[in-house]
Amino acid sequence: MFSKNKKKSEVDLEQHELLENAQSRIKQKKRLFSHFVIFLIGSVFLILLNKILKYGAEYDWFIWAITFWAFLFVIHAFNVFITQQFMGKDWERSQREKLVAKQKERIAALQKEIETDFPLTQINKKKEL
């Protein structure tokens, strides 16, 4: 009852995996939202730096900086909401299972080829002689 060797059931392992996946998704979304807040604050700072403090006032460079930063933010959002949705843990698991199945098929084919080329009965007969 209180033994340390108690085996965990598959349900517990599956729930643990789901919990880890949910925590990683929450962390990704949290980072995205903090990126958005930093983007807004940084954009205001760049505008103030250019317009109010007259840093590089001869040219409105803040527009290009904010545009570039917005592009990076869109890429970040795309990775969080699109890429992770299609290529998340389930996708990784299915790809791993496909590769393992292919490897097993190749191993079975090689074993079959070896057995046809070098049957065990002939090898055993040679050993007896």
Protein backbone atom coordinates (compact mmCIF):
# COMPACT_ATOMS: atom_id res chain seq x y z
CA MET A 1 0.00 0.00 0.00
CA PHE A 2 2.74 2.48 0.92
CA SER A 3 5.51 0.94 -1.14
CA LYS A 4 7.80 3.12 -3.22
CA ASN A 5 7.80 0.60 -6.05
CA LYS A 6 4.18 1.32 -6.85
CA LYS A 7 3.76 1.33 -10.64
CA LYS A 8 2.12 4.33 -12.21
CA SER A 9 -0.79 3.58 -14.42
CA GLU A 10 -0.90 4.71 -18.02
CA VAL A 11 -3.68 7.12 -17.14
CA ASP A 12 -1.41 8.94 -14.69
CA LEU A 13 1.36 9.13 -17.27
CA GLU A 14 -1.04 10.35 -19.93
CA GLN A 15 -2.46 12.99 -17.59
CA HIS A 16 1.07 14.08 -16.69
CA GLU A 17 1.94 14.43 -20.37
CA LEU A 18 -1.23 16.43 -21.03
CA LEU A 19 -0.43 18.68 -18.09
CA GLU A 20 3.13 19.29 -19.34
CA ASN A 21 1.80 20.08 -22.81
CA ALA A 22 -0.73 22.52 -21.38
CA GLN A 23 1.95 24.21 -19.27
CA SER A 24 4.23 24.65 -22.26
CA ARG A 25 1.37 26.14 -24.31
CA ILE A 26 0.57 28.54 -21.47
CA LYS A 27 4.22 29.58 -21.31
CA GLN A 28 4.28 30.18 -25.08
CA LYS A 29 1.15 32.33 -24.97
CA LYS A 30 2.43 34.23 -21.94
CA ARG A 31 5.66 35.05 -23.78
CA LEU A 32 3.66 36.18 -26.81
CA PHE A 33 1.49 38.51 -24.75
CA SER A 34 4.53 39.95 -22.96
CA HIS A 35 6.14 40.45 -26.39
CA PHE A 36 3.03 42.39 -27.43
CA VAL A 37 3.18 44.63 -24.36
CA ILE A 38 6.90 45.27 -24.87
CA PHE A 39 6.17 45.99 -28.54
CA LEU A 40 3.58 48.62 -27.60
CA ILE A 41 5.79 50.28 -24.99
CA GLY A 42 8.81 50.14 -27.30
CA SER A 43 6.85 51.63 -30.18
CA VAL A 44 5.74 54.57 -28.02
CA PHE A 45 9.35 55.00 -26.86
CA LEU A 46 10.65 55.03 -30.45
CA ILE A 47 8.06 57.63 -31.46
CA LEU A 48 8.93 59.79 -28.46
CA LEU A 49 12.63 59.41 -29.19
CA ASN A 50 12.19 60.54 -32.79
CA LYS A 51 9.53 63.23 -32.45
CA ILE A 52 9.89 64.68 -28.94
CA LEU A 53 13.61 64.24 -28.25
CA LYS A 54 14.47 65.02 -31.89
CA TYR A 55 16.84 62.04 -32.25
CA GLY A 56 17.23 61.66 -36.01
CA ALA A 57 14.46 64.22 -36.53
CA GLU A 58 15.33 64.78 -40.19
CA TYR A 59 13.87 61.37 -41.01
CA ASP A 60 10.94 59.38 -39.55
CA TRP A 61 12.98 56.23 -38.91
CA PHE A 62 10.62 55.02 -36.18
CA ILE A 63 8.13 53.91 -38.84
CA TRP A 64 10.62 51.40 -40.26
CA ALA A 65 11.69 50.22 -36.81
CA ILE A 66 8.09 49.67 -35.69
CA THR A 67 7.24 47.95 -38.99
CA PHE A 68 10.18 45.58 -38.62
CA TRP A 69 9.28 44.87 -34.99
CA ALA A 70 5.64 44.27 -35.96
CA PHE A 71 6.84 41.78 -38.59
CA LEU A 72 8.82 39.92 -35.91
CA PHE A 73 5.75 39.94 -33.65
CA VAL A 74 3.59 38.49 -36.44
CA ILE A 75 6.16 35.71 -36.95
CA HIS A 76 6.09 35.01 -33.20
CA ALA A 77 2.27 34.88 -33.20
CA PHE A 78 2.31 32.62 -36.26
CA ASN A 79 4.68 30.22 -34.49
CA VAL A 80 2.56 30.13 -31.34
CA PHE A 81 -0.90 29.81 -32.88
CA ILE A 82 -0.35 28.17 -36.27
CA THR A 83 2.88 26.19 -36.30
CA GLN A 84 2.49 24.76 -32.80
CA GLN A 85 -1.09 23.82 -33.58
CA PHE A 86 -0.11 21.71 -36.59
CA MET A 87 3.36 20.61 -35.50
CA GLY A 88 2.88 20.20 -31.78
CA LYS A 89 3.36 17.22 -29.50
CA ASP A 90 0.77 15.07 -31.29
CA TRP A 91 2.45 15.67 -34.64
CA GLU A 92 5.87 14.83 -33.17
CA ARG A 93 4.48 11.63 -31.65
CA SER A 94 2.89 10.50 -34.92
CA GLN A 95 6.08 11.25 -36.87
CA ARG A 96 8.16 9.30 -34.32
CA GLU A 97 5.75 6.34 -34.53
CA LYS A 98 5.95 6.37 -38.34
CA LEU A 99 9.75 6.38 -38.26
CA VAL A 100 9.86 3.55 -35.72
CA ALA A 101 7.43 1.52 -37.86
CA LYS A 102 9.62 2.08 -40.94
CA GLN A 103 12.71 0.99 -39.03
CA LYS A 104 10.95 -2.15 -37.80
CA GLU A 105 9.89 -2.95 -41.37
CA ARG A 106 13.47 -2.52 -42.61
CA ILE A 107 14.83 -4.72 -39.83
CA ALA A 108 12.23 -7.40 -40.58
CA ALA A 109 13.08 -7.26 -44.29
CA LEU A 110 16.79 -7.58 -43.53
CA GLN A 111 16.17 -10.52 -41.19
CA LYS A 112 14.03 -12.22 -43.81
CA GLU A 113 16.74 -11.68 -46.42
CA ILE A 114 19.40 -13.09 -44.11
CA GLU A 115 17.25 -16.13 -43.30
CA THR A 116 16.69 -16.86 -46.98
CA ASP A 117 20.38 -16.43 -47.84
CA PHE A 118 21.71 -18.27 -44.79
CA PRO A 119 19.10 -20.63 -43.34
CA LEU A 120 19.74 -21.77 -39.79
CA THR A 121 19.33 -25.44 -40.68
CA GLN A 122 22.31 -25.34 -43.04
CA ILE A 123 24.46 -23.52 -40.49
CA ASN A 124 23.54 -26.04 -37.78
CA LYS A 125 24.38 -28.95 -40.12
CA LYS A 126 27.80 -27.45 -40.89
CA LYS A 127 28.52 -27.08 -37.18
CA GLU A 128 27.67 -30.73 -36.56
CA LEU A 129 30.02 -31.94 -39.26
